[in-house]
Amino acid sequence: MRIQKKFSRELAREIRKGAVGVMPTDTIYGIVGSALSFSAVSRIYGLRKRCPDKPFIVLISSVRDLKPFGAEPDKKTRGILRKIWPGRVSVLLQVSRKRFSFIHRGTGKIAFRLPAKRSLRNFLEISGPIVAPSANWEGKPPAADIRGARRYFGNRVDFYLDGGILKSPPSTLVSFAGGRLRVIRPGAGKIAKSLLL
């Protein structure tokens, strides 16, 4: 276990190979791992003491990252995504690839987010899509800094990336209904009223 001070290509490659750690996202600290790795995602469920029925949000570097999951939004949906992404809005999308049931937990849908934070998107271009639930045990307050995260996870993660103190609401979580957006969880992301049900 080690503590780093900035995003790096080396760290992104480690995540791509299966490493799990804590790092700042575009909202709060997340405990992260490759969304393409069954073992990394399973490890995060254990570390977070997370209810196995609850899916994780996946961070992506571009809309192209949706394709490996079998998430293929139609033209109208893509138009709406362009209006809210990049940003702090996570969007539930239908996925067709059954092998990602370890993320969607049988729901057939995954919440994706394209962060506005450029340094994070650059990192994701190398690491690939990551799951990034908040850095805490289920039912406990999210860690606002690395000290708080270490109280939860100690030396059981591979790295910590220190981004100082982060205090933010989680992302806004939305789904599509009738060609409009429905807010499931209000949060940090702003959405034009014209896009909402």
N, C-alpha and C. Protein backbone atom coordinates (compact mmCIF):
# COMPACT_ATOMS: atom_id res chain seq x y z
N MET A 1 0.84 -1.19 0.00
CA MET A 1 0.00 0.00 0.00
C MET A 1 0.88 1.25 0.00
N ARG A 2 0.54 2.24 -0.81
CA ARG A 2 1.32 3.47 -0.84
C ARG A 2 0.38 4.65 -1.06
N ILE A 3 0.91 5.85 -0.76
CA ILE A 3 0.14 7.08 -0.95
C ILE A 3 0.80 7.90 -2.05
N GLN A 4 0.01 8.32 -3.04
CA GLN A 4 0.50 9.16 -4.13
C GLN A 4 -0.18 10.52 -4.07
N LYS A 5 0.42 11.48 -4.75
CA LYS A 5 -0.08 12.85 -4.71
C LYS A 5 -0.73 13.30 -6.02
N LYS A 6 -0.56 12.54 -7.09
CA LYS A 6 -1.15 12.98 -8.36
C LYS A 6 -1.47 11.79 -9.25
N PHE A 7 -2.37 12.03 -10.20
CA PHE A 7 -2.69 11.02 -11.20
C PHE A 7 -1.44 10.71 -12.01
N SER A 8 -1.27 9.45 -12.37
CA SER A 8 -0.11 9.08 -13.19
C SER A 8 -0.49 7.95 -14.14
N ARG A 9 0.25 7.86 -15.23
CA ARG A 9 0.04 6.78 -16.19
C ARG A 9 0.28 5.43 -15.54
N GLU A 10 1.30 5.36 -14.69
CA GLU A 10 1.64 4.10 -14.05
C GLU A 10 0.49 3.59 -13.18
N LEU A 11 -0.12 4.51 -12.43
CA LEU A 11 -1.23 4.13 -11.57
C LEU A 11 -2.43 3.69 -12.42
N ALA A 12 -2.68 4.39 -13.50
CA ALA A 12 -3.79 4.01 -14.38
C ALA A 12 -3.56 2.60 -14.95
N ARG A 13 -2.33 2.30 -15.30
CA ARG A 13 -2.02 0.97 -15.84
C ARG A 13 -2.19 -0.10 -14.77
N GLU A 14 -1.85 0.23 -13.52
CA GLU A 14 -2.03 -0.72 -12.43
C GLU A 14 -3.52 -1.07 -12.26
N ILE A 15 -4.37 -0.05 -12.34
CA ILE A 15 -5.82 -0.29 -12.23
C ILE A 15 -6.27 -1.18 -13.38
N ARG A 16 -5.77 -0.91 -14.56
CA ARG A 16 -6.14 -1.72 -15.73
C ARG A 16 -5.77 -3.18 -15.51
N LYS A 17 -4.72 -3.41 -14.74
CA LYS A 17 -4.26 -4.79 -14.47
C LYS A 17 -4.93 -5.42 -13.25
N GLY A 18 -5.81 -4.63 -12.56
CA GLY A 18 -6.55 -5.23 -11.46
C GLY A 18 -6.35 -4.62 -10.09
N ALA A 19 -5.52 -3.56 -9.99
CA ALA A 19 -5.29 -2.93 -8.68
C ALA A 19 -6.56 -2.24 -8.19
N VAL A 20 -6.69 -2.15 -6.87
CA VAL A 20 -7.82 -1.49 -6.21
C VAL A 20 -7.26 -0.44 -5.25
N GLY A 21 -7.85 0.76 -5.26
CA GLY A 21 -7.36 1.81 -4.36
C GLY A 21 -8.38 2.89 -4.15
N VAL A 22 -7.95 3.94 -3.45
CA VAL A 22 -8.81 5.08 -3.14
C VAL A 22 -8.26 6.31 -3.83
N MET A 23 -9.13 7.06 -4.50
CA MET A 23 -8.67 8.27 -5.19
C MET A 23 -9.81 9.27 -5.31
N PRO A 24 -9.47 10.55 -5.52
CA PRO A 24 -10.52 11.56 -5.71
C PRO A 24 -11.21 11.36 -7.05
N THR A 25 -12.53 11.55 -7.08
CA THR A 25 -13.26 11.55 -8.34
C THR A 25 -13.68 12.99 -8.62
N ASP A 26 -14.70 13.18 -9.42
CA ASP A 26 -15.19 14.53 -9.69
C ASP A 26 -16.16 15.00 -8.61
N THR A 27 -16.46 14.14 -7.65
CA THR A 27 -17.34 14.52 -6.54
C THR A 27 -16.63 14.29 -5.21
N ILE A 28 -16.52 13.03 -4.80
CA ILE A 28 -15.90 12.69 -3.52
C ILE A 28 -14.87 11.59 -3.75
N TYR A 29 -14.22 11.15 -2.66
CA TYR A 29 -13.28 10.04 -2.79
C TYR A 29 -14.03 8.76 -3.12
N GLY A 30 -13.46 7.98 -4.04
CA GLY A 30 -14.03 6.69 -4.39
C GLY A 30 -13.03 5.58 -4.13
N ILE A 31 -13.55 4.38 -3.88
CA ILE A 31 -12.70 3.20 -3.86
C ILE A 31 -12.86 2.57 -5.23
N VAL A 32 -11.78 2.49 -5.99
CA VAL A 32 -11.89 2.28 -7.43
C VAL A 32 -11.18 1.00 -7.88
N GLY A 33 -11.65 0.49 -9.01
CA GLY A 33 -11.03 -0.65 -9.66
C GLY A 33 -11.58 -0.76 -11.07
N SER A 34 -10.96 -1.56 -11.89
CA SER A 34 -11.39 -1.70 -13.28
C SER A 34 -12.80 -2.28 -13.35
N ALA A 35 -13.67 -1.62 -14.11
CA ALA A 35 -15.03 -2.12 -14.30
C ALA A 35 -15.05 -3.35 -15.19
N LEU A 36 -13.92 -3.64 -15.82
CA LEU A 36 -13.84 -4.82 -16.70
C LEU A 36 -13.31 -6.04 -15.96
N SER A 37 -12.97 -5.88 -14.68
CA SER A 37 -12.36 -6.95 -13.89
C SER A 37 -13.32 -7.48 -12.84
N PHE A 38 -13.75 -8.72 -12.99
CA PHE A 38 -14.63 -9.35 -12.01
C PHE A 38 -13.97 -9.38 -10.64
N SER A 39 -12.68 -9.72 -10.59
CA SER A 39 -12.00 -9.86 -9.30
C SER A 39 -11.86 -8.51 -8.59
N ALA A 40 -11.56 -7.43 -9.34
CA ALA A 40 -11.43 -6.10 -8.73
C ALA A 40 -12.76 -5.64 -8.17
N VAL A 41 -13.83 -5.82 -8.95
CA VAL A 41 -15.16 -5.39 -8.49
C VAL A 41 -15.60 -6.20 -7.28
N SER A 42 -15.36 -7.50 -7.30
CA SER A 42 -15.71 -8.34 -6.15
C SER A 42 -14.94 -7.93 -4.90
N ARG A 43 -13.68 -7.59 -5.08
CA ARG A 43 -12.86 -7.14 -3.95
C ARG A 43 -13.42 -5.86 -3.34
N ILE A 44 -13.88 -4.94 -4.19
CA ILE A 44 -14.43 -3.67 -3.69
C ILE A 44 -15.73 -3.92 -2.92
N TYR A 45 -16.56 -4.82 -3.40
CA TYR A 45 -17.77 -5.16 -2.64
C TYR A 45 -17.41 -5.61 -1.23
N GLY A 46 -16.38 -6.45 -1.13
CA GLY A 46 -15.96 -6.93 0.19
C GLY A 46 -15.40 -5.83 1.06
N LEU A 47 -14.54 -4.99 0.50
CA LEU A 47 -13.92 -3.91 1.26
C LEU A 47 -14.94 -2.90 1.77
N ARG A 48 -15.96 -2.64 0.96
CA ARG A 48 -16.98 -1.65 1.34
C ARG A 48 -18.08 -2.24 2.23
N LYS A 49 -18.07 -3.58 2.39
CA LYS A 49 -19.14 -4.26 3.12
C LYS A 49 -20.49 -3.92 2.48
N ARG A 50 -20.48 -3.92 1.16
CA ARG A 50 -21.61 -3.47 0.35
C ARG A 50 -22.64 -4.58 0.16
N CYS A 51 -23.89 -4.21 0.23
CA CYS A 51 -24.98 -5.14 -0.08
C CYS A 51 -24.78 -5.66 -1.51
N PRO A 52 -24.74 -6.99 -1.70
CA PRO A 52 -24.42 -7.53 -3.02
C PRO A 52 -25.46 -7.26 -4.09
N ASP A 53 -26.65 -6.79 -3.70
CA ASP A 53 -27.69 -6.49 -4.69
C ASP A 53 -27.56 -5.09 -5.28
N LYS A 54 -26.71 -4.24 -4.71
CA LYS A 54 -26.62 -2.85 -5.16
C LYS A 54 -25.52 -2.69 -6.20
N PRO A 55 -25.87 -2.19 -7.40
CA PRO A 55 -24.86 -1.99 -8.44
C PRO A 55 -23.93 -0.81 -8.13
N PHE A 56 -22.81 -0.76 -8.84
CA PHE A 56 -21.87 0.35 -8.75
C PHE A 56 -22.05 1.28 -9.96
N ILE A 57 -21.64 2.55 -9.77
CA ILE A 57 -21.55 3.50 -10.87
C ILE A 57 -20.22 3.30 -11.58
N VAL A 58 -20.21 3.47 -12.90
CA VAL A 58 -19.00 3.31 -13.71
C VAL A 58 -18.61 4.65 -14.31
N LEU A 59 -17.35 5.05 -14.12
CA LEU A 59 -16.82 6.28 -14.71
C LEU A 59 -16.16 5.95 -16.05
N ILE A 60 -16.43 6.77 -17.06
CA ILE A 60 -15.90 6.54 -18.40
C ILE A 60 -15.19 7.80 -18.90
N SER A 61 -14.32 7.61 -19.90
CA SER A 61 -13.56 8.75 -20.44
C SER A 61 -14.25 9.37 -21.64
N SER A 62 -15.14 8.62 -22.30
CA SER A 62 -15.89 9.14 -23.45
C SER A 62 -17.09 8.24 -23.69
N VAL A 63 -18.00 8.69 -24.53
CA VAL A 63 -19.19 7.89 -24.86
C VAL A 63 -18.78 6.58 -25.52
N ARG A 64 -17.62 6.55 -26.17
CA ARG A 64 -17.14 5.31 -26.81
C ARG A 64 -16.98 4.18 -25.80
N ASP A 65 -16.72 4.53 -24.54
CA ASP A 65 -16.52 3.51 -23.51
C ASP A 65 -17.79 2.73 -23.18
N LEU A 66 -18.93 3.21 -23.66
CA LEU A 66 -20.19 2.50 -23.41
C LEU A 66 -20.26 1.21 -24.22
N LYS A 67 -19.61 1.18 -25.36
CA LYS A 67 -19.77 0.08 -26.30
C LYS A 67 -19.39 -1.28 -25.73
N PRO A 68 -18.25 -1.42 -25.02
CA PRO A 68 -17.90 -2.75 -24.50
C PRO A 68 -18.96 -3.34 -23.57
N PHE A 69 -19.78 -2.49 -22.96
CA PHE A 69 -20.82 -2.97 -22.04
C PHE A 69 -22.11 -3.32 -22.77
N GLY A 70 -22.16 -3.04 -24.07
CA GLY A 70 -23.39 -3.27 -24.81
C GLY A 70 -24.43 -2.21 -24.52
N ALA A 71 -23.98 -1.04 -24.10
CA ALA A 71 -24.88 0.10 -23.89
C ALA A 71 -24.83 0.94 -25.16
N GLU A 72 -25.89 0.92 -25.95
CA GLU A 72 -25.90 1.59 -27.24
C GLU A 72 -27.08 2.54 -27.31
N PRO A 73 -26.93 3.75 -26.75
CA PRO A 73 -28.04 4.71 -26.76
C PRO A 73 -28.42 5.12 -28.17
N ASP A 74 -29.73 5.33 -28.39
CA ASP A 74 -30.18 5.77 -29.70
C ASP A 74 -29.85 7.24 -29.91
N LYS A 75 -30.19 7.75 -31.10
CA LYS A 75 -29.81 9.11 -31.47
C LYS A 75 -30.36 10.15 -30.49
N LYS A 76 -31.63 9.99 -30.09
CA LYS A 76 -32.24 10.95 -29.18
C LYS A 76 -31.57 10.92 -27.81
N THR A 77 -31.27 9.71 -27.32
CA THR A 77 -30.60 9.57 -26.02
C THR A 77 -29.21 10.19 -26.07
N ARG A 78 -28.49 9.95 -27.17
CA ARG A 78 -27.15 10.55 -27.31
C ARG A 78 -27.22 12.07 -27.29
N GLY A 79 -28.27 12.62 -27.89
CA GLY A 79 -28.44 14.07 -27.88
C GLY A 79 -28.61 14.60 -26.46
N ILE A 80 -29.35 13.89 -25.64
CA ILE A 80 -29.53 14.30 -24.25
C ILE A 80 -28.23 14.14 -23.47
N LEU A 81 -27.53 13.04 -23.72
CA LEU A 81 -26.25 12.82 -23.03
C LEU A 81 -25.27 13.95 -23.33
N ARG A 82 -25.28 14.44 -24.56
CA ARG A 82 -24.37 15.55 -24.92
C ARG A 82 -24.68 16.82 -24.13
N LYS A 83 -25.93 16.95 -23.69
CA LYS A 83 -26.33 18.15 -22.93
C LYS A 83 -25.98 18.05 -21.45
N ILE A 84 -25.78 16.85 -20.93
CA ILE A 84 -25.49 16.70 -19.49
C ILE A 84 -24.07 16.19 -19.22
N TRP A 85 -23.40 15.70 -20.25
CA TRP A 85 -22.02 15.20 -20.11
C TRP A 85 -21.08 16.07 -20.92
N PRO A 86 -19.82 16.26 -20.46
CA PRO A 86 -19.33 15.80 -19.16
C PRO A 86 -19.95 16.60 -18.01
N GLY A 87 -20.07 15.92 -16.87
CA GLY A 87 -20.67 16.56 -15.71
C GLY A 87 -20.87 15.57 -14.58
N ARG A 88 -21.45 16.08 -13.49
CA ARG A 88 -21.60 15.26 -12.29
C ARG A 88 -22.99 14.60 -12.25
N VAL A 89 -23.34 14.01 -13.40
CA VAL A 89 -24.62 13.32 -13.53
C VAL A 89 -24.34 11.89 -13.98
N SER A 90 -24.83 10.92 -13.20
CA SER A 90 -24.71 9.50 -13.56
C SER A 90 -26.03 9.04 -14.17
N VAL A 91 -25.92 8.33 -15.29
CA VAL A 91 -27.11 7.98 -16.09
C VAL A 91 -27.25 6.47 -16.17
N LEU A 92 -28.42 5.97 -15.76
CA LEU A 92 -28.72 4.54 -15.88
C LEU A 92 -29.03 4.20 -17.34
N LEU A 93 -28.27 3.25 -17.89
CA LEU A 93 -28.49 2.82 -19.27
C LEU A 93 -28.62 1.30 -19.33
N GLN A 94 -29.45 0.84 -20.22
CA GLN A 94 -29.60 -0.60 -20.44
C GLN A 94 -28.32 -1.15 -21.06
N VAL A 95 -27.87 -2.31 -20.58
CA VAL A 95 -26.69 -2.97 -21.15
C VAL A 95 -27.09 -4.35 -21.65
N SER A 96 -26.43 -4.80 -22.72
CA SER A 96 -26.81 -6.08 -23.32
C SER A 96 -25.82 -7.20 -23.04
N ARG A 97 -24.64 -6.86 -22.54
CA ARG A 97 -23.62 -7.89 -22.32
C ARG A 97 -23.83 -8.57 -20.96
N LYS A 98 -24.22 -9.83 -21.02
CA LYS A 98 -24.55 -10.56 -19.79
C LYS A 98 -23.34 -10.74 -18.87
N ARG A 99 -22.16 -10.70 -19.45
CA ARG A 99 -20.97 -10.94 -18.62
C ARG A 99 -20.74 -9.82 -17.60
N PHE A 100 -21.43 -8.68 -17.76
CA PHE A 100 -21.27 -7.59 -16.80
C PHE A 100 -22.32 -7.63 -15.69
N SER A 101 -22.90 -8.80 -15.48
CA SER A 101 -23.85 -8.95 -14.37
C SER A 101 -23.15 -8.73 -13.03
N PHE A 102 -21.82 -8.88 -12.99
CA PHE A 102 -21.11 -8.63 -11.74
C PHE A 102 -21.10 -7.14 -11.38
N ILE A 103 -21.49 -6.28 -12.34
CA ILE A 103 -21.66 -4.86 -12.05
C ILE A 103 -23.14 -4.51 -11.89
N HIS A 104 -23.97 -4.95 -12.84
CA HIS A 104 -25.38 -4.52 -12.76
C HIS A 104 -26.22 -5.38 -11.80
N ARG A 105 -25.63 -6.48 -11.31
CA ARG A 105 -26.24 -7.31 -10.25
C ARG A 105 -27.65 -7.78 -10.62
N GLY A 106 -27.82 -8.13 -11.90
CA GLY A 106 -29.09 -8.69 -12.34
C GLY A 106 -30.13 -7.67 -12.78
N THR A 107 -29.81 -6.38 -12.68
CA THR A 107 -30.80 -5.35 -13.06
C THR A 107 -30.83 -5.11 -14.57
N GLY A 108 -29.74 -5.47 -15.27
CA GLY A 108 -29.66 -5.22 -16.70
C GLY A 108 -29.31 -3.79 -17.04
N LYS A 109 -29.06 -2.95 -16.02
CA LYS A 109 -28.71 -1.55 -16.23
C LYS A 109 -27.48 -1.17 -15.42
N ILE A 110 -26.69 -0.27 -15.98
CA ILE A 110 -25.51 0.27 -15.28
C ILE A 110 -25.59 1.79 -15.34
N ALA A 111 -25.25 2.44 -14.25
CA ALA A 111 -25.17 3.90 -14.21
C ALA A 111 -23.76 4.32 -14.63
N PHE A 112 -23.69 5.11 -15.68
CA PHE A 112 -22.41 5.60 -16.20
C PHE A 112 -22.29 7.10 -15.96
N ARG A 113 -21.05 7.57 -15.80
CA ARG A 113 -20.80 9.01 -15.67
C ARG A 113 -19.54 9.39 -16.45
N LEU A 114 -19.65 10.47 -17.19
CA LEU A 114 -18.52 11.05 -17.91
C LEU A 114 -18.13 12.32 -17.17
N PRO A 115 -17.06 12.26 -16.36
CA PRO A 115 -16.72 13.41 -15.50
C PRO A 115 -16.25 14.63 -16.29
N ALA A 116 -16.53 15.80 -15.74
CA ALA A 116 -16.05 17.05 -16.35
C ALA A 116 -14.58 17.29 -16.04
N LYS A 117 -14.07 16.69 -15.00
CA LYS A 117 -12.69 16.91 -14.56
C LYS A 117 -11.73 16.32 -15.61
N ARG A 118 -11.02 17.19 -16.31
CA ARG A 118 -10.19 16.75 -17.43
C ARG A 118 -9.09 15.79 -16.99
N SER A 119 -8.44 16.06 -15.87
CA SER A 119 -7.36 15.18 -15.42
C SER A 119 -7.88 13.78 -15.14
N LEU A 120 -9.10 13.68 -14.64
CA LEU A 120 -9.70 12.38 -14.38
C LEU A 120 -10.03 11.67 -15.70
N ARG A 121 -10.56 12.40 -16.67
CA ARG A 121 -10.85 11.78 -17.97
C ARG A 121 -9.56 11.30 -18.65
N ASN A 122 -8.49 12.07 -18.55
CA ASN A 122 -7.21 11.64 -19.11
C ASN A 122 -6.75 10.33 -18.45
N PHE A 123 -6.93 10.26 -17.14
CA PHE A 123 -6.57 9.06 -16.39
C PHE A 123 -7.41 7.86 -16.88
N LEU A 124 -8.71 8.09 -17.07
CA LEU A 124 -9.62 7.02 -17.49
C LEU A 124 -9.33 6.55 -18.91
N GLU A 125 -8.76 7.41 -19.73
CA GLU A 125 -8.38 6.98 -21.08
C GLU A 125 -7.34 5.87 -21.03
N ILE A 126 -6.53 5.86 -19.96
CA ILE A 126 -5.48 4.84 -19.81
C ILE A 126 -5.99 3.67 -18.97
N SER A 127 -6.67 3.96 -17.88
CA SER A 127 -7.12 2.90 -16.97
C SER A 127 -8.27 2.09 -17.56
N GLY A 128 -9.04 2.73 -18.46
CA GLY A 128 -10.30 2.14 -18.89
C GLY A 128 -11.39 2.47 -17.89
N PRO A 129 -12.63 2.08 -18.16
CA PRO A 129 -13.73 2.38 -17.24
C PRO A 129 -13.47 1.81 -15.84
N ILE A 130 -13.87 2.58 -14.82
CA ILE A 130 -13.67 2.12 -13.45
C ILE A 130 -14.98 2.19 -12.66
N VAL A 131 -15.14 1.28 -11.72
CA VAL A 131 -16.20 1.46 -10.72
C VAL A 131 -15.62 2.38 -9.65
N ALA A 132 -16.47 3.25 -9.09
CA ALA A 132 -15.95 4.25 -8.15
C ALA A 132 -16.99 4.60 -7.08
N PRO A 133 -17.43 3.59 -6.30
CA PRO A 133 -18.33 3.92 -5.19
C PRO A 133 -17.61 4.76 -4.14
N SER A 134 -18.35 5.46 -3.32
CA SER A 134 -17.73 6.32 -2.30
C SER A 134 -16.85 5.50 -1.35
N ALA A 135 -15.82 6.15 -0.84
CA ALA A 135 -14.82 5.48 0.00
C ALA A 135 -15.31 5.41 1.45
N ASN A 136 -16.10 4.41 1.74
CA ASN A 136 -16.62 4.20 3.09
C ASN A 136 -17.23 2.81 3.17
N TRP A 137 -17.51 2.36 4.38
CA TRP A 137 -18.29 1.15 4.55
C TRP A 137 -19.76 1.49 4.33
N GLU A 138 -20.52 0.52 3.90
CA GLU A 138 -21.95 0.73 3.67
C GLU A 138 -22.62 1.32 4.91
N GLY A 139 -23.37 2.41 4.71
CA GLY A 139 -24.09 3.03 5.82
C GLY A 139 -23.30 4.01 6.64
N LYS A 140 -22.00 4.16 6.34
CA LYS A 140 -21.13 5.09 7.07
C LYS A 140 -20.85 6.33 6.21
N PRO A 141 -20.41 7.44 6.83
CA PRO A 141 -20.15 8.67 6.05
C PRO A 141 -18.99 8.49 5.07
N PRO A 142 -19.10 9.06 3.87
CA PRO A 142 -17.98 9.00 2.92
C PRO A 142 -16.75 9.70 3.48
N ALA A 143 -15.58 9.13 3.21
CA ALA A 143 -14.32 9.75 3.65
C ALA A 143 -14.12 11.07 2.92
N ALA A 144 -13.76 12.12 3.67
CA ALA A 144 -13.51 13.44 3.07
C ALA A 144 -12.04 13.64 2.73
N ASP A 145 -11.18 12.75 3.24
CA ASP A 145 -9.75 12.84 2.96
C ASP A 145 -9.13 11.46 3.10
N ILE A 146 -7.83 11.37 2.83
CA ILE A 146 -7.15 10.08 2.87
C ILE A 146 -7.12 9.51 4.28
N ARG A 147 -6.97 10.35 5.28
CA ARG A 147 -6.96 9.87 6.66
C ARG A 147 -8.27 9.13 6.97
N GLY A 148 -9.39 9.73 6.55
CA GLY A 148 -10.68 9.10 6.77
C GLY A 148 -10.82 7.79 6.01
N ALA A 149 -10.31 7.76 4.78
CA ALA A 149 -10.38 6.53 3.98
C ALA A 149 -9.54 5.42 4.60
N ARG A 150 -8.40 5.79 5.16
CA ARG A 150 -7.53 4.77 5.77
C ARG A 150 -8.16 4.17 7.01
N ARG A 151 -9.02 4.94 7.68
CA ARG A 151 -9.72 4.37 8.84
C ARG A 151 -10.66 3.25 8.39
N TYR A 152 -11.18 3.36 7.18
CA TYR A 152 -12.04 2.30 6.66
C TYR A 152 -11.23 1.12 6.10
N PHE A 153 -10.21 1.42 5.33
CA PHE A 153 -9.59 0.37 4.52
C PHE A 153 -8.15 0.01 4.90
N GLY A 154 -7.49 0.84 5.70
CA GLY A 154 -6.15 0.53 6.17
C GLY A 154 -5.21 0.14 5.05
N ASN A 155 -4.53 -0.99 5.22
CA ASN A 155 -3.57 -1.46 4.23
C ASN A 155 -4.17 -2.49 3.28
N ARG A 156 -5.49 -2.59 3.25
CA ARG A 156 -6.14 -3.62 2.43
C ARG A 156 -6.39 -3.17 0.99
N VAL A 157 -6.03 -1.93 0.66
CA VAL A 157 -6.06 -1.48 -0.74
C VAL A 157 -4.63 -1.33 -1.23
N ASP A 158 -4.47 -1.23 -2.55
CA ASP A 158 -3.13 -1.19 -3.13
C ASP A 158 -2.52 0.21 -3.14
N PHE A 159 -3.37 1.24 -3.10
CA PHE A 159 -2.84 2.61 -3.13
C PHE A 159 -3.89 3.59 -2.61
N TYR A 160 -3.40 4.77 -2.22
CA TYR A 160 -4.24 5.94 -1.94
C TYR A 160 -3.70 7.09 -2.79
N LEU A 161 -4.59 7.82 -3.42
CA LEU A 161 -4.21 9.02 -4.18
C LEU A 161 -4.78 10.22 -3.45
N ASP A 162 -3.90 11.05 -2.90
CA ASP A 162 -4.30 12.14 -2.02
C ASP A 162 -4.69 13.38 -2.83
N GLY A 163 -5.95 13.77 -2.74
CA GLY A 163 -6.43 14.97 -3.42
C GLY A 163 -6.88 16.04 -2.45
N GLY A 164 -6.37 15.97 -1.18
CA GLY A 164 -6.78 16.95 -0.18
C GLY A 164 -8.15 16.63 0.38
N ILE A 165 -8.83 17.64 0.88
CA ILE A 165 -10.16 17.45 1.46
C ILE A 165 -11.22 17.62 0.37
N LEU A 166 -12.11 16.67 0.28
CA LEU A 166 -13.20 16.72 -0.70
C LEU A 166 -14.53 16.59 0.03
N LYS A 167 -15.34 17.61 -0.09
CA LYS A 167 -16.69 17.57 0.49
C LYS A 167 -17.67 17.99 -0.59
N SER A 168 -18.44 17.05 -1.05
CA SER A 168 -19.40 17.31 -2.13
C SER A 168 -20.54 16.33 -2.00
N PRO A 169 -21.72 16.70 -2.46
CA PRO A 169 -22.77 15.69 -2.59
C PRO A 169 -22.33 14.65 -3.62
N PRO A 170 -22.90 13.45 -3.59
CA PRO A 170 -22.62 12.49 -4.66
C PRO A 170 -23.21 13.00 -5.97
N SER A 171 -22.94 12.28 -7.04
CA SER A 171 -23.48 12.68 -8.34
C SER A 171 -25.00 12.58 -8.34
N THR A 172 -25.62 13.36 -9.20
CA THR A 172 -27.05 13.22 -9.47
C THR A 172 -27.24 11.95 -10.29
N LEU A 173 -28.19 11.12 -9.90
CA LEU A 173 -28.45 9.86 -10.60
C LEU A 173 -29.79 9.96 -11.32
N VAL A 174 -29.77 9.67 -12.63
CA VAL A 174 -30.99 9.80 -13.43
C VAL A 174 -31.20 8.55 -14.29
N SER A 175 -32.42 8.37 -14.74
CA SER A 175 -32.73 7.34 -15.72
C SER A 175 -33.58 7.95 -16.83
N PHE A 176 -33.72 7.23 -17.93
CA PHE A 176 -34.54 7.70 -19.04
C PHE A 176 -35.94 7.12 -18.92
N ALA A 177 -36.94 7.95 -19.18
CA ALA A 177 -38.33 7.51 -19.20
C ALA A 177 -39.08 8.36 -20.22
N GLY A 178 -39.60 7.72 -21.24
CA GLY A 178 -40.35 8.45 -22.26
C GLY A 178 -39.55 9.52 -22.96
N GLY A 179 -38.25 9.27 -23.15
CA GLY A 179 -37.42 10.23 -23.85
C GLY A 179 -36.99 11.43 -23.02
N ARG A 180 -37.30 11.41 -21.73
CA ARG A 180 -36.88 12.48 -20.82
C ARG A 180 -36.12 11.85 -19.66
N LEU A 181 -35.58 12.71 -18.78
CA LEU A 181 -34.82 12.24 -17.63
C LEU A 181 -35.68 12.25 -16.37
N ARG A 182 -35.50 11.22 -15.57
CA ARG A 182 -36.16 11.15 -14.26
C ARG A 182 -35.08 11.08 -13.20
N VAL A 183 -35.13 11.97 -12.22
CA VAL A 183 -34.11 12.00 -11.17
C VAL A 183 -34.41 10.91 -10.15
N ILE A 184 -33.44 10.03 -9.96
CA ILE A 184 -33.55 8.97 -8.96
C ILE A 184 -32.94 9.43 -7.65
N ARG A 185 -31.82 10.14 -7.76
CA ARG A 185 -31.12 10.66 -6.57
C ARG A 185 -30.60 12.06 -6.88
N PRO A 186 -31.14 13.10 -6.22
CA PRO A 186 -30.57 14.44 -6.41
C PRO A 186 -29.13 14.48 -5.91
N GLY A 187 -28.30 15.29 -6.53
CA GLY A 187 -26.91 15.37 -6.11
C GLY A 187 -26.22 16.59 -6.67
N ALA A 188 -24.93 16.43 -6.96
CA ALA A 188 -24.08 17.56 -7.33
C ALA A 188 -24.34 18.07 -8.76
N GLY A 189 -24.85 17.22 -9.64
CA GLY A 189 -25.00 17.62 -11.03
C GLY A 189 -26.26 18.43 -11.29
N LYS A 190 -26.13 19.44 -12.13
CA LYS A 190 -27.25 20.30 -12.52
C LYS A 190 -27.82 19.81 -13.86
N ILE A 191 -29.15 19.81 -13.97
CA ILE A 191 -29.83 19.38 -15.19
C ILE A 191 -30.87 20.42 -15.58
N ALA A 192 -30.88 20.80 -16.85
CA ALA A 192 -31.87 21.76 -17.32
C ALA A 192 -33.28 21.21 -17.14
N LYS A 193 -34.19 22.04 -16.69
CA LYS A 193 -35.56 21.60 -16.44
C LYS A 193 -36.23 21.07 -17.70
N SER A 194 -35.81 21.56 -18.84
CA SER A 194 -36.41 21.12 -20.11
C SER A 194 -36.13 19.66 -20.42
N LEU A 195 -35.12 19.07 -19.76
CA LEU A 195 -34.76 17.68 -20.00
C LEU A 195 -35.47 16.72 -19.06
N LEU A 196 -36.14 17.27 -18.05
CA LEU A 196 -36.72 16.44 -16.99
C LEU A 196 -38.19 16.14 -17.24
N LEU A 197 -38.62 15.03 -16.69
CA LEU A 197 -40.05 14.70 -16.71
C LEU A 197 -40.83 15.70 -15.88
